[in-house]
Amino acid sequence: WTSFTVCGKLRRLVKVKKVGHAGTLDPMATGLLIVCVGKATKLVDRYQGMIKGYSGVFRLGEATSTWDADSPVIQREPWEHIKDEDIRKAAASFRGEIWQVPPMFSAIKVRVFHFS
């Protein structure tokens, strides 16, 4: 289910017009989808601003056109020369506060313009 689908099902289930979520579900993700109902939808921004943690598994030497494991591998490179210390250094760059660059197929909306 997408986040939108969850909100729609909940809207019908609890018979409330205002239902909102505090983050989009990635099809491959597991975890928590925070949903606010009724007057609580005003709290969505508060939840979205909370600190988040991520964990995952990665495969070295593979690339896909969508930057995720949902698509076929389009490129393979040798990885056997990579040492544990190289991985530790690369992982350190993902700790702390960072600016994430979302993949081109992300659900994020930035500067959306509507023309009539």
PDB file of N, CA and C in Angstrom:
ATOM      1  N   TRP A   1       0.832  -1.187   0.000  1.00  0.00           N
ATOM      2  CA  TRP A   1       0.000   0.000   0.000  1.00  0.00           C
ATOM      3  C   TRP A   1       0.872   1.243   0.000  1.00  0.00           C
ATOM      4  N   THR A   2       0.426   2.269  -0.665  1.00  0.00           N
ATOM      5  CA  THR A   2       1.093   3.559  -0.596  1.00  0.00           C
ATOM      6  C   THR A   2       0.559   4.313   0.625  1.00  0.00           C
ATOM      7  N   SER A   3       1.241   5.392   1.002  1.00  0.00           N
ATOM      8  CA  SER A   3       0.775   6.235   2.111  1.00  0.00           C
ATOM      9  C   SER A   3      -0.609   6.794   1.799  1.00  0.00           C
ATOM     10  N   PHE A   4      -0.815   7.180   0.545  1.00  0.00           N
ATOM     11  CA  PHE A   4      -2.105   7.723   0.113  1.00  0.00           C
ATOM     12  C   PHE A   4      -3.217   6.681   0.276  1.00  0.00           C
ATOM     13  N   THR A   5      -2.914   5.426  -0.078  1.00  0.00           N
ATOM     14  CA  THR A   5      -3.882   4.342   0.064  1.00  0.00           C
ATOM     15  C   THR A   5      -4.251   4.128   1.531  1.00  0.00           C
ATOM     16  N   VAL A   6      -3.237   4.145   2.410  1.00  0.00           N
ATOM     17  CA  VAL A   6      -3.478   3.977   3.840  1.00  0.00           C
ATOM     18  C   VAL A   6      -4.419   5.063   4.344  1.00  0.00           C
ATOM     19  N   CYS A   7      -4.157   6.319   3.964  1.00  0.00           N
ATOM     20  CA  CYS A   7      -5.008   7.435   4.401  1.00  0.00           C
ATOM     21  C   CYS A   7      -6.437   7.270   3.877  1.00  0.00           C
ATOM     22  N   GLY A   8      -6.585   6.844   2.650  1.00  0.00           N
ATOM     23  CA  GLY A   8      -7.914   6.637   2.077  1.00  0.00           C
ATOM     24  C   GLY A   8      -8.684   5.552   2.809  1.00  0.00           C
ATOM     25  N   LYS A   9      -8.010   4.436   3.102  1.00  0.00           N
ATOM     26  CA  LYS A   9      -8.670   3.340   3.813  1.00  0.00           C
ATOM     27  C   LYS A   9      -9.059   3.783   5.226  1.00  0.00           C
ATOM     28  N   LEU A  10      -8.170   4.506   5.884  1.00  0.00           N
ATOM     29  CA  LEU A  10      -8.456   4.981   7.235  1.00  0.00           C
ATOM     30  C   LEU A  10      -9.612   5.989   7.236  1.00  0.00           C
ATOM     31  N   ARG A  11      -9.617   6.851   6.221  1.00  0.00           N
ATOM     32  CA  ARG A  11     -10.684   7.853   6.087  1.00  0.00           C
ATOM     33  C   ARG A  11     -12.053   7.170   6.019  1.00  0.00           C
ATOM     34  N   ARG A  12     -12.126   6.110   5.230  1.00  0.00           N
ATOM     35  CA  ARG A  12     -13.389   5.371   5.107  1.00  0.00           C
ATOM     36  C   ARG A  12     -13.704   4.572   6.375  1.00  0.00           C
ATOM     37  N   LEU A  13     -12.675   4.006   6.993  1.00  0.00           N
ATOM     38  CA  LEU A  13     -12.863   3.170   8.173  1.00  0.00           C
ATOM     39  C   LEU A  13     -13.385   3.969   9.373  1.00  0.00           C
ATOM     40  N   VAL A  14     -12.785   5.143   9.612  1.00  0.00           N
ATOM     41  CA  VAL A  14     -13.184   5.939  10.786  1.00  0.00           C
ATOM     42  C   VAL A  14     -14.187   7.035  10.433  1.00  0.00           C
ATOM     43  N   LYS A  15     -14.533   7.112   9.140  1.00  0.00           N
ATOM     44  CA  LYS A  15     -15.520   8.097   8.657  1.00  0.00           C
ATOM     45  C   LYS A  15     -15.151   9.528   9.058  1.00  0.00           C
ATOM     46  N   VAL A  16     -13.895   9.880   8.763  1.00  0.00           N
ATOM     47  CA  VAL A  16     -13.380  11.224   9.033  1.00  0.00           C
ATOM     48  C   VAL A  16     -12.812  11.764   7.734  1.00  0.00           C
ATOM     49  N   LYS A  17     -13.077  13.054   7.443  1.00  0.00           N
ATOM     50  CA  LYS A  17     -12.591  13.643   6.190  1.00  0.00           C
ATOM     51  C   LYS A  17     -11.092  13.939   6.227  1.00  0.00           C
ATOM     52  N   LYS A  18     -10.597  14.429   7.371  1.00  0.00           N
ATOM     53  CA  LYS A  18      -9.198  14.852   7.444  1.00  0.00           C
ATOM     54  C   LYS A  18      -8.311  13.726   7.975  1.00  0.00           C
ATOM     55  N   VAL A  19      -7.484  13.200   7.089  1.00  0.00           N
ATOM     56  CA  VAL A  19      -6.497  12.185   7.450  1.00  0.00           C
ATOM     57  C   VAL A  19      -5.214  12.548   6.717  1.00  0.00           C
ATOM     58  N   GLY A  20      -4.110  12.600   7.424  1.00  0.00           N
ATOM     59  CA  GLY A  20      -2.839  12.943   6.798  1.00  0.00           C
ATOM     60  C   GLY A  20      -1.709  12.083   7.341  1.00  0.00           C
ATOM     61  N   HIS A  21      -0.662  11.913   6.558  1.00  0.00           N
ATOM     62  CA  HIS A  21       0.482  11.105   6.996  1.00  0.00           C
ATOM     63  C   HIS A  21       1.722  11.974   7.115  1.00  0.00           C
ATOM     64  N   ALA A  22       2.647  11.516   7.946  1.00  0.00           N
ATOM     65  CA  ALA A  22       3.866  12.283   8.222  1.00  0.00           C
ATOM     66  C   ALA A  22       5.066  11.683   7.514  1.00  0.00           C
ATOM     67  N   GLY A  23       4.880  11.193   6.320  1.00  0.00           N
ATOM     68  CA  GLY A  23       5.987  10.630   5.559  1.00  0.00           C
ATOM     69  C   GLY A  23       5.477   9.641   4.544  1.00  0.00           C
ATOM     70  N   THR A  24       6.166   9.528   3.446  1.00  0.00           N
ATOM     71  CA  THR A  24       5.743   8.647   2.369  1.00  0.00           C
ATOM     72  C   THR A  24       6.362   7.268   2.554  1.00  0.00           C
ATOM     73  N   LEU A  25       5.566   6.240   2.357  1.00  0.00           N
ATOM     74  CA  LEU A  25       6.075   4.868   2.442  1.00  0.00           C
ATOM     75  C   LEU A  25       6.840   4.519   1.176  1.00  0.00           C
ATOM     76  N   ASP A  26       8.061   4.110   1.349  1.00  0.00           N
ATOM     77  CA  ASP A  26       8.838   3.564   0.247  1.00  0.00           C
ATOM     78  C   ASP A  26       8.369   2.126   0.055  1.00  0.00           C
ATOM     79  N   PRO A  27       8.160   1.684  -1.176  1.00  0.00           N
ATOM     80  CA  PRO A  27       7.656   0.318  -1.388  1.00  0.00           C
ATOM     81  C   PRO A  27       8.519  -0.762  -0.734  1.00  0.00           C
ATOM     82  N   MET A  28       9.822  -0.523  -0.586  1.00  0.00           N
ATOM     83  CA  MET A  28      10.708  -1.532  -0.004  1.00  0.00           C
ATOM     84  C   MET A  28      10.921  -1.322   1.492  1.00  0.00           C
ATOM     85  N   ALA A  29      10.397  -0.246   2.052  1.00  0.00           N
ATOM     86  CA  ALA A  29      10.672   0.092   3.445  1.00  0.00           C
ATOM     87  C   ALA A  29       9.827  -0.719   4.414  1.00  0.00           C
ATOM     88  N   THR A  30      10.376  -0.859   5.587  1.00  0.00           N
ATOM     89  CA  THR A  30       9.607  -1.405   6.701  1.00  0.00           C
ATOM     90  C   THR A  30       9.713  -0.372   7.812  1.00  0.00           C
ATOM     91  N   GLY A  31       8.784  -0.393   8.715  1.00  0.00           N
ATOM     92  CA  GLY A  31       8.854   0.551   9.811  1.00  0.00           C
ATOM     93  C   GLY A  31       7.509   1.143  10.118  1.00  0.00           C
ATOM     94  N   LEU A  32       7.502   2.427  10.393  1.00  0.00           N
ATOM     95  CA  LEU A  32       6.349   3.102  10.949  1.00  0.00           C
ATOM     96  C   LEU A  32       5.826   4.182  10.002  1.00  0.00           C
ATOM     97  N   LEU A  33       4.527   4.204   9.800  1.00  0.00           N
ATOM     98  CA  LEU A  33       3.879   5.295   9.071  1.00  0.00           C
ATOM     99  C   LEU A  33       3.001   6.029  10.078  1.00  0.00           C
ATOM    100  N   ILE A  34       3.345   7.249  10.382  1.00  0.00           N
ATOM    101  CA  ILE A  34       2.560   8.044  11.322  1.00  0.00           C
ATOM    102  C   ILE A  34       1.401   8.669  10.573  1.00  0.00           C
ATOM    103  N   VAL A  35       0.183   8.408  11.058  1.00  0.00           N
ATOM    104  CA  VAL A  35      -1.027   8.927  10.436  1.00  0.00           C
ATOM    105  C   VAL A  35      -1.782   9.747  11.473  1.00  0.00           C
ATOM    106  N   CYS A  36      -2.206  10.935  11.086  1.00  0.00           N
ATOM    107  CA  CYS A  36      -2.973  11.818  11.962  1.00  0.00           C
ATOM    108  C   CYS A  36      -4.396  11.932  11.426  1.00  0.00           C
ATOM    109  N   VAL A  37      -5.355  11.935  12.346  1.00  0.00           N
ATOM    110  CA  VAL A  37      -6.769  11.936  11.978  1.00  0.00           C
ATOM    111  C   VAL A  37      -7.466  13.141  12.597  1.00  0.00           C
ATOM    112  N   GLY A  38      -8.355  13.751  11.814  1.00  0.00           N
ATOM    113  CA  GLY A  38      -9.157  14.871  12.311  1.00  0.00           C
ATOM    114  C   GLY A  38      -8.302  16.075  12.671  1.00  0.00           C
ATOM    115  N   LYS A  39      -8.532  16.644  13.849  1.00  0.00           N
ATOM    116  CA  LYS A  39      -7.790  17.837  14.286  1.00  0.00           C
ATOM    117  C   LYS A  39      -6.297  17.556  14.458  1.00  0.00           C
ATOM    118  N   ALA A  40      -5.947  16.319  14.669  1.00  0.00           N
ATOM    119  CA  ALA A  40      -4.538  15.948  14.850  1.00  0.00           C
ATOM    120  C   ALA A  40      -3.722  16.122  13.565  1.00  0.00           C
ATOM    121  N   THR A  41      -4.382  16.313  12.419  1.00  0.00           N
ATOM    122  CA  THR A  41      -3.624  16.511  11.175  1.00  0.00           C
ATOM    123  C   THR A  41      -2.760  17.771  11.265  1.00  0.00           C
ATOM    124  N   LYS A  42      -3.081  18.661  12.190  1.00  0.00           N
ATOM    125  CA  LYS A  42      -2.254  19.866  12.392  1.00  0.00           C
ATOM    126  C   LYS A  42      -0.885  19.516  12.974  1.00  0.00           C
ATOM    127  N   LEU A  43      -0.729  18.302  13.484  1.00  0.00           N
ATOM    128  CA  LEU A  43       0.535  17.866  14.089  1.00  0.00           C
ATOM    129  C   LEU A  43       1.482  17.207  13.090  1.00  0.00           C
ATOM    130  N   VAL A  44       1.046  17.010  11.864  1.00  0.00           N
ATOM    131  CA  VAL A  44       1.861  16.307  10.868  1.00  0.00           C
ATOM    132  C   VAL A  44       3.239  16.954  10.719  1.00  0.00           C
ATOM    133  N   ASP A  45       3.298  18.277  10.628  1.00  0.00           N
ATOM    134  CA  ASP A  45       4.589  18.958  10.469  1.00  0.00           C
ATOM    135  C   ASP A  45       5.527  18.674  11.637  1.00  0.00           C
ATOM    136  N   ARG A  46       4.982  18.592  12.829  1.00  0.00           N
ATOM    137  CA  ARG A  46       5.808  18.306  14.015  1.00  0.00           C
ATOM    138  C   ARG A  46       6.455  16.933  13.883  1.00  0.00           C
ATOM    139  N   TYR A  47       5.670  15.955  13.464  1.00  0.00           N
ATOM    140  CA  TYR A  47       6.215  14.606  13.301  1.00  0.00           C
ATOM    141  C   TYR A  47       7.235  14.540  12.165  1.00  0.00           C
ATOM    142  N   GLN A  48       6.971  15.246  11.077  1.00  0.00           N
ATOM    143  CA  GLN A  48       7.900  15.227   9.946  1.00  0.00           C
ATOM    144  C   GLN A  48       9.242  15.835  10.328  1.00  0.00           C
ATOM    145  N   GLY A  49       9.233  16.767  11.272  1.00  0.00           N
ATOM    146  CA  GLY A  49      10.472  17.421  11.679  1.00  0.00           C
ATOM    147  C   GLY A  49      11.285  16.650  12.692  1.00  0.00           C
ATOM    148  N   MET A  50      10.797  15.508  13.130  1.00  0.00           N
ATOM    149  CA  MET A  50      11.510  14.719  14.141  1.00  0.00           C
ATOM    150  C   MET A  50      12.751  14.054  13.547  1.00  0.00           C
ATOM    151  N   ILE A  51      13.675  13.725  14.413  1.00  0.00           N
ATOM    152  CA  ILE A  51      14.894  13.027  13.993  1.00  0.00           C
ATOM    153  C   ILE A  51      14.528  11.606  13.581  1.00  0.00           C
ATOM    154  N   LYS A  52      15.099  11.178  12.471  1.00  0.00           N
ATOM    155  CA  LYS A  52      14.807   9.849  11.947  1.00  0.00           C
ATOM    156  C   LYS A  52      16.093   9.027  11.910  1.00  0.00           C
ATOM    157  N   GLY A  53      15.948   7.745  12.019  1.00  0.00           N
ATOM    158  CA  GLY A  53      17.084   6.845  11.889  1.00  0.00           C
ATOM    159  C   GLY A  53      16.818   5.853  10.776  1.00  0.00           C
ATOM    160  N   TYR A  54      17.857   5.480  10.090  1.00  0.00           N
ATOM    161  CA  TYR A  54      17.717   4.539   8.978  1.00  0.00           C
ATOM    162  C   TYR A  54      18.745   3.429   9.127  1.00  0.00           C
ATOM    163  N   SER A  55      18.387   2.251   8.696  1.00  0.00           N
ATOM    164  CA  SER A  55      19.342   1.154   8.623  1.00  0.00           C
ATOM    165  C   SER A  55      19.083   0.436   7.304  1.00  0.00           C
ATOM    166  N   GLY A  56      20.051  -0.290   6.858  1.00  0.00           N
ATOM    167  CA  GLY A  56      19.857  -0.983   5.594  1.00  0.00           C
ATOM    168  C   GLY A  56      21.023  -1.893   5.265  1.00  0.00           C
ATOM    169  N   VAL A  57      20.889  -2.542   4.148  1.00  0.00           N
ATOM    170  CA  VAL A  57      21.908  -3.435   3.627  1.00  0.00           C
ATOM    171  C   VAL A  57      22.280  -2.914   2.249  1.00  0.00           C
ATOM    172  N   PHE A  58      23.547  -2.945   1.912  1.00  0.00           N
ATOM    173  CA  PHE A  58      23.942  -2.485   0.584  1.00  0.00           C
ATOM    174  C   PHE A  58      24.792  -3.543  -0.107  1.00  0.00           C
ATOM    175  N   ARG A  59      24.772  -3.450  -1.429  1.00  0.00           N
ATOM    176  CA  ARG A  59      25.580  -4.352  -2.245  1.00  0.00           C
ATOM    177  C   ARG A  59      26.621  -3.499  -2.967  1.00  0.00           C
ATOM    178  N   LEU A  60      27.834  -3.901  -2.855  1.00  0.00           N
ATOM    179  CA  LEU A  60      28.918  -3.157  -3.493  1.00  0.00           C
ATOM    180  C   LEU A  60      29.016  -3.514  -4.972  1.00  0.00           C
ATOM    181  N   GLY A  61      29.330  -2.515  -5.770  1.00  0.00           N
ATOM    182  CA  GLY A  61      29.635  -2.746  -7.177  1.00  0.00           C
ATOM    183  C   GLY A  61      28.453  -2.841  -8.118  1.00  0.00           C
ATOM    184  N   GLU A  62      27.255  -2.485  -7.647  1.00  0.00           N
ATOM    185  CA  GLU A  62      26.084  -2.553  -8.517  1.00  0.00           C
ATOM    186  C   GLU A  62      25.394  -1.193  -8.586  1.00  0.00           C
ATOM    187  N   ALA A  63      24.857  -0.875  -9.753  1.00  0.00           N
ATOM    188  CA  ALA A  63      24.096   0.355  -9.943  1.00  0.00           C
ATOM    189  C   ALA A  63      22.808   0.035 -10.691  1.00  0.00           C
ATOM    190  N   THR A  64      21.738   0.781 -10.334  1.00  0.00           N
ATOM    191  CA  THR A  64      20.461   0.651 -11.043  1.00  0.00           C
ATOM    192  C   THR A  64      20.052   2.027 -11.552  1.00  0.00           C
ATOM    193  N   SER A  65      19.148   2.059 -12.494  1.00  0.00           N
ATOM    194  CA  SER A  65      18.730   3.339 -13.065  1.00  0.00           C
ATOM    195  C   SER A  65      17.925   4.182 -12.081  1.00  0.00           C
ATOM    196  N   THR A  66      17.333   3.557 -11.056  1.00  0.00           N
ATOM    197  CA  THR A  66      16.508   4.299 -10.091  1.00  0.00           C
ATOM    198  C   THR A  66      17.201   4.482  -8.744  1.00  0.00           C
ATOM    199  N   TRP A  67      18.430   4.034  -8.615  1.00  0.00           N
ATOM    200  CA  TRP A  67      19.233   4.135  -7.389  1.00  0.00           C
ATOM    201  C   TRP A  67      18.687   3.274  -6.259  1.00  0.00           C
ATOM    202  N   ASP A  68      17.846   2.311  -6.547  1.00  0.00           N
ATOM    203  CA  ASP A  68      17.363   1.415  -5.504  1.00  0.00           C
ATOM    204  C   ASP A  68      17.347  -0.015  -6.038  1.00  0.00           C
ATOM    205  N   ALA A  69      17.024  -0.959  -5.167  1.00  0.00           N
ATOM    206  CA  ALA A  69      17.082  -2.375  -5.539  1.00  0.00           C
ATOM    207  C   ALA A  69      15.831  -2.854  -6.266  1.00  0.00           C
ATOM    208  N   ASP A  70      14.871  -1.952  -6.509  1.00  0.00           N
ATOM    209  CA  ASP A  70      13.650  -2.345  -7.217  1.00  0.00           C
ATOM    210  C   ASP A  70      13.869  -2.529  -8.719  1.00  0.00           C
ATOM    211  N   SER A  71      14.919  -1.950  -9.239  1.00  0.00           N
ATOM    212  CA  SER A  71      15.172  -1.984 -10.686  1.00  0.00           C
ATOM    213  C   SER A  71      16.313  -2.941 -11.006  1.00  0.00           C
ATOM    214  N   PRO A  72      16.356  -3.401 -12.240  1.00  0.00           N
ATOM    215  CA  PRO A  72      17.454  -4.290 -12.638  1.00  0.00           C
ATOM    216  C   PRO A  72      18.809  -3.571 -12.569  1.00  0.00           C
ATOM    217  N   VAL A  73      19.831  -4.346 -12.296  1.00  0.00           N
ATOM    218  CA  VAL A  73      21.195  -3.815 -12.269  1.00  0.00           C
ATOM    219  C   VAL A  73      21.594  -3.426 -13.685  1.00  0.00           C
ATOM    220  N   ILE A  74      22.080  -2.188 -13.851  1.00  0.00           N
ATOM    221  CA  ILE A  74      22.495  -1.712 -15.174  1.00  0.00           C
ATOM    222  C   ILE A  74      24.016  -1.618 -15.309  1.00  0.00           C
ATOM    223  N   GLN A  75      24.714  -1.729 -14.169  1.00  0.00           N
ATOM    224  CA  GLN A  75      26.164  -1.627 -14.221  1.00  0.00           C
ATOM    225  C   GLN A  75      26.763  -2.416 -13.054  1.00  0.00           C
ATOM    226  N   ARG A  76      27.844  -3.138 -13.348  1.00  0.00           N
ATOM    227  CA  ARG A  76      28.575  -3.864 -12.307  1.00  0.00           C
ATOM    228  C   ARG A  76      30.042  -3.471 -12.382  1.00  0.00           C
ATOM    229  N   GLU A  77      30.613  -3.262 -11.217  1.00  0.00           N
ATOM    230  CA  GLU A  77      32.026  -2.907 -11.118  1.00  0.00           C
ATOM    231  C   GLU A  77      32.686  -3.832 -10.102  1.00  0.00           C
ATOM    232  N   PRO A  78      33.997  -4.077 -10.249  1.00  0.00           N
ATOM    233  CA  PRO A  78      34.686  -4.899  -9.248  1.00  0.00           C
ATOM    234  C   PRO A  78      34.687  -4.182  -7.886  1.00  0.00           C
ATOM    235  N   TRP A  79      34.574  -4.930  -6.813  1.00  0.00           N
ATOM    236  CA  TRP A  79      34.539  -4.346  -5.476  1.00  0.00           C
ATOM    237  C   TRP A  79      35.494  -5.034  -4.506  1.00  0.00           C
ATOM    238  N   GLU A  80      36.121  -6.098  -4.946  1.00  0.00           N
ATOM    239  CA  GLU A  80      36.966  -6.889  -4.061  1.00  0.00           C
ATOM    240  C   GLU A  80      38.152  -6.104  -3.478  1.00  0.00           C
ATOM    241  N   HIS A  81      38.549  -5.024  -4.138  1.00  0.00           N
ATOM    242  CA  HIS A  81      39.682  -4.222  -3.665  1.00  0.00           C
ATOM    243  C   HIS A  81      39.306  -3.291  -2.503  1.00  0.00           C
ATOM    244  N   ILE A  82      38.018  -3.161  -2.206  1.00  0.00           N
ATOM    245  CA  ILE A  82      37.562  -2.257  -1.149  1.00  0.00           C
ATOM    246  C   ILE A  82      37.826  -2.904   0.212  1.00  0.00           C
ATOM    247  N   LYS A  83      38.463  -2.128   1.097  1.00  0.00           N
ATOM    248  CA  LYS A  83      38.821  -2.623   2.425  1.00  0.00           C
ATOM    249  C   LYS A  83      37.784  -2.172   3.456  1.00  0.00           C
ATOM    250  N   ASP A  84      37.764  -2.853   4.595  1.00  0.00           N
ATOM    251  CA  ASP A  84      36.842  -2.501   5.672  1.00  0.00           C
ATOM    252  C   ASP A  84      36.973  -1.029   6.058  1.00  0.00           C
ATOM    253  N   GLU A  85      38.204  -0.532   6.096  1.00  0.00           N
ATOM    254  CA  GLU A  85      38.421   0.878   6.479  1.00  0.00           C
ATOM    255  C   GLU A  85      37.785   1.831   5.467  1.00  0.00           C
ATOM    256  N   ASP A  86      37.808   1.473   4.197  1.00  0.00           N
ATOM    257  CA  ASP A  86      37.149   2.292   3.166  1.00  0.00           C
ATOM    258  C   ASP A  86      35.649   2.382   3.438  1.00  0.00           C
ATOM    259  N   ILE A  87      35.058   1.262   3.825  1.00  0.00           N
ATOM    260  CA  ILE A  87      33.622   1.227   4.118  1.00  0.00           C
ATOM    261  C   ILE A  87      33.319   2.071   5.354  1.00  0.00           C
ATOM    262  N   ARG A  88      34.153   1.949   6.394  1.00  0.00           N
ATOM    263  CA  ARG A  88      33.949   2.753   7.610  1.00  0.00           C
ATOM    264  C   ARG A  88      34.011   4.252   7.298  1.00  0.00           C
ATOM    265  N   LYS A  89      34.960   4.654   6.474  1.00  0.00           N
ATOM    266  CA  LYS A  89      35.083   6.073   6.113  1.00  0.00           C
ATOM    267  C   LYS A  89      33.856   6.552   5.335  1.00  0.00           C
ATOM    268  N   ALA A  90      33.411   5.743   4.381  1.00  0.00           N
ATOM    269  CA  ALA A  90      32.233   6.118   3.597  1.00  0.00           C
ATOM    270  C   ALA A  90      30.993   6.175   4.486  1.00  0.00           C
ATOM    271  N   ALA A  91      30.842   5.217   5.388  1.00  0.00           N
ATOM    272  CA  ALA A  91      29.679   5.189   6.286  1.00  0.00           C
ATOM    273  C   ALA A  91      29.661   6.412   7.197  1.00  0.00           C
ATOM    274  N   ALA A  92      30.825   6.880   7.608  1.00  0.00           N
ATOM    275  CA  ALA A  92      30.905   8.051   8.490  1.00  0.00           C
ATOM    276  C   ALA A  92      30.302   9.288   7.833  1.00  0.00           C
ATOM    277  N   SER A  93      30.346   9.363   6.523  1.00  0.00           N
ATOM    278  CA  SER A  93      29.794  10.535   5.828  1.00  0.00           C
ATOM    279  C   SER A  93      28.264  10.567   5.880  1.00  0.00           C
ATOM    280  N   PHE A  94      27.636   9.465   6.303  1.00  0.00           N
ATOM    281  CA  PHE A  94      26.177   9.409   6.413  1.00  0.00           C
ATOM    282  C   PHE A  94      25.692   9.640   7.839  1.00  0.00           C
ATOM    283  N   ARG A  95      26.608   9.884   8.775  1.00  0.00           N
ATOM    284  CA  ARG A  95      26.225  10.114  10.172  1.00  0.00           C
ATOM    285  C   ARG A  95      26.020  11.598  10.416  1.00  0.00           C
ATOM    286  N   GLY A  96      25.106  11.891  11.337  1.00  0.00           N
ATOM    287  CA  GLY A  96      24.856  13.283  11.683  1.00  0.00           C
ATOM    288  C   GLY A  96      23.850  13.905  10.732  1.00  0.00           C
ATOM    289  N   GLU A  97      23.811  15.216  10.731  1.00  0.00           N
ATOM    290  CA  GLU A  97      22.862  15.936   9.893  1.00  0.00           C
ATOM    291  C   GLU A  97      23.430  16.084   8.487  1.00  0.00           C
ATOM    292  N   ILE A  98      22.670  15.618   7.503  1.00  0.00           N
ATOM    293  CA  ILE A  98      23.123  15.681   6.111  1.00  0.00           C
ATOM    294  C   ILE A  98      21.983  16.185   5.236  1.00  0.00           C
ATOM    295  N   TRP A  99      22.333  16.696   4.062  1.00  0.00           N
ATOM    296  CA  TRP A  99      21.338  17.049   3.043  1.00  0.00           C
ATOM    297  C   TRP A  99      21.218  15.860   2.137  1.00  0.00           C
ATOM    298  N   GLN A 100      20.066  15.231   2.157  1.00  0.00           N
ATOM    299  CA  GLN A 100      19.837  14.044   1.344  1.00  0.00           C
ATOM    300  C   GLN A 100      19.422  14.451  -0.056  1.00  0.00           C
ATOM    301  N   VAL A 101      20.017  13.835  -1.048  1.00  0.00           N
ATOM    302  CA  VAL A 101      19.615  14.054  -2.431  1.00  0.00           C
ATOM    303  C   VAL A 101      18.690  12.905  -2.816  1.00  0.00           C
ATOM    304  N   PRO A 102      17.394  13.186  -2.948  1.00  0.00           N
ATOM    305  CA  PRO A 102      16.465  12.102  -3.264  1.00  0.00           C
ATOM    306  C   PRO A 102      16.631  11.627  -4.707  1.00  0.00           C
ATOM    307  N   PRO A 103      16.397  10.339  -4.944  1.00  0.00           N
ATOM    308  CA  PRO A 103      16.468   9.829  -6.308  1.00  0.00           C
ATOM    309  C   PRO A 103      15.433  10.499  -7.202  1.00  0.00           C
ATOM    310  N   MET A 104      15.661  10.446  -8.499  1.00  0.00           N
ATOM    311  CA  MET A 104      14.759  11.101  -9.444  1.00  0.00           C
ATOM    312  C   MET A 104      13.346  10.542  -9.385  1.00  0.00           C
ATOM    313  N   PHE A 105      13.166   9.323  -8.891  1.00  0.00           N
ATOM    314  CA  PHE A 105      11.850   8.708  -8.823  1.00  0.00           C
ATOM    315  C   PHE A 105      11.215   8.871  -7.448  1.00  0.00           C
ATOM    316  N   SER A 106      11.772   9.745  -6.620  1.00  0.00           N
ATOM    317  CA  SER A 106      11.265   9.960  -5.269  1.00  0.00           C
ATOM    318  C   SER A 106       9.897  10.622  -5.300  1.00  0.00           C
ATOM    319  N   ALA A 107       9.130  10.431  -4.231  1.00  0.00           N
ATOM    320  CA  ALA A 107       7.812  11.060  -4.113  1.00  0.00           C
ATOM    321  C   ALA A 107       7.911  12.503  -3.630  1.00  0.00           C
ATOM    322  N   ILE A 108       9.103  12.960  -3.307  1.00  0.00           N
ATOM    323  CA  ILE A 108       9.282  14.320  -2.793  1.00  0.00           C
ATOM    324  C   ILE A 108       8.878  15.348  -3.845  1.00  0.00           C
ATOM    325  N   LYS A 109       8.290  16.436  -3.381  1.00  0.00           N
ATOM    326  CA  LYS A 109       7.886  17.502  -4.295  1.00  0.00           C
ATOM    327  C   LYS A 109       8.647  18.765  -3.927  1.00  0.00           C
ATOM    328  N   VAL A 110       9.363  19.317  -4.878  1.00  0.00           N
ATOM    329  CA  VAL A 110      10.112  20.542  -4.663  1.00  0.00           C
ATOM    330  C   VAL A 110       9.733  21.524  -5.758  1.00  0.00           C
ATOM    331  N   ARG A 111       9.302  22.710  -5.358  1.00  0.00           N
ATOM    332  CA  ARG A 111       8.945  23.765  -6.314  1.00  0.00           C
ATOM    333  C   ARG A 111       8.007  23.246  -7.395  1.00  0.00           C
ATOM    334  N   VAL A 112       6.872  22.767  -7.000  1.00  0.00           N
ATOM    335  CA  VAL A 112       5.896  22.253  -7.962  1.00  0.00           C
ATOM    336  C   VAL A 112       5.087  23.433  -8.492  1.00  0.00           C
ATOM    337  N   PHE A 113       5.068  23.568  -9.802  1.00  0.00           N
ATOM    338  CA  PHE A 113       4.343  24.656 -10.450  1.00  0.00           C
ATOM    339  C   PHE A 113       3.151  24.084 -11.213  1.00  0.00           C
ATOM    340  N   HIS A 114       2.042  24.779 -11.157  1.00  0.00           N
ATOM    341  CA  HIS A 114       0.872  24.365 -11.926  1.00  0.00           C
ATOM    342  C   HIS A 114       0.540  25.469 -12.921  1.00  0.00           C
ATOM    343  N   PHE A 115       0.432  25.096 -14.173  1.00  0.00           N
ATOM    344  CA  PHE A 115       0.111  26.055 -15.229  1.00  0.00           C
ATOM    345  C   PHE A 115      -1.268  25.741 -15.782  1.00  0.00           C
ATOM    346  N   SER A 116      -2.006  26.782 -16.090  1.00  0.00           N
ATOM    347  CA  SER A 116      -3.331  26.531 -16.675  1.00  0.00           C
ATOM    348  C   SER A 116      -3.393  27.057 -18.086  1.00  0.00           C
TER     349      SER A 116
END
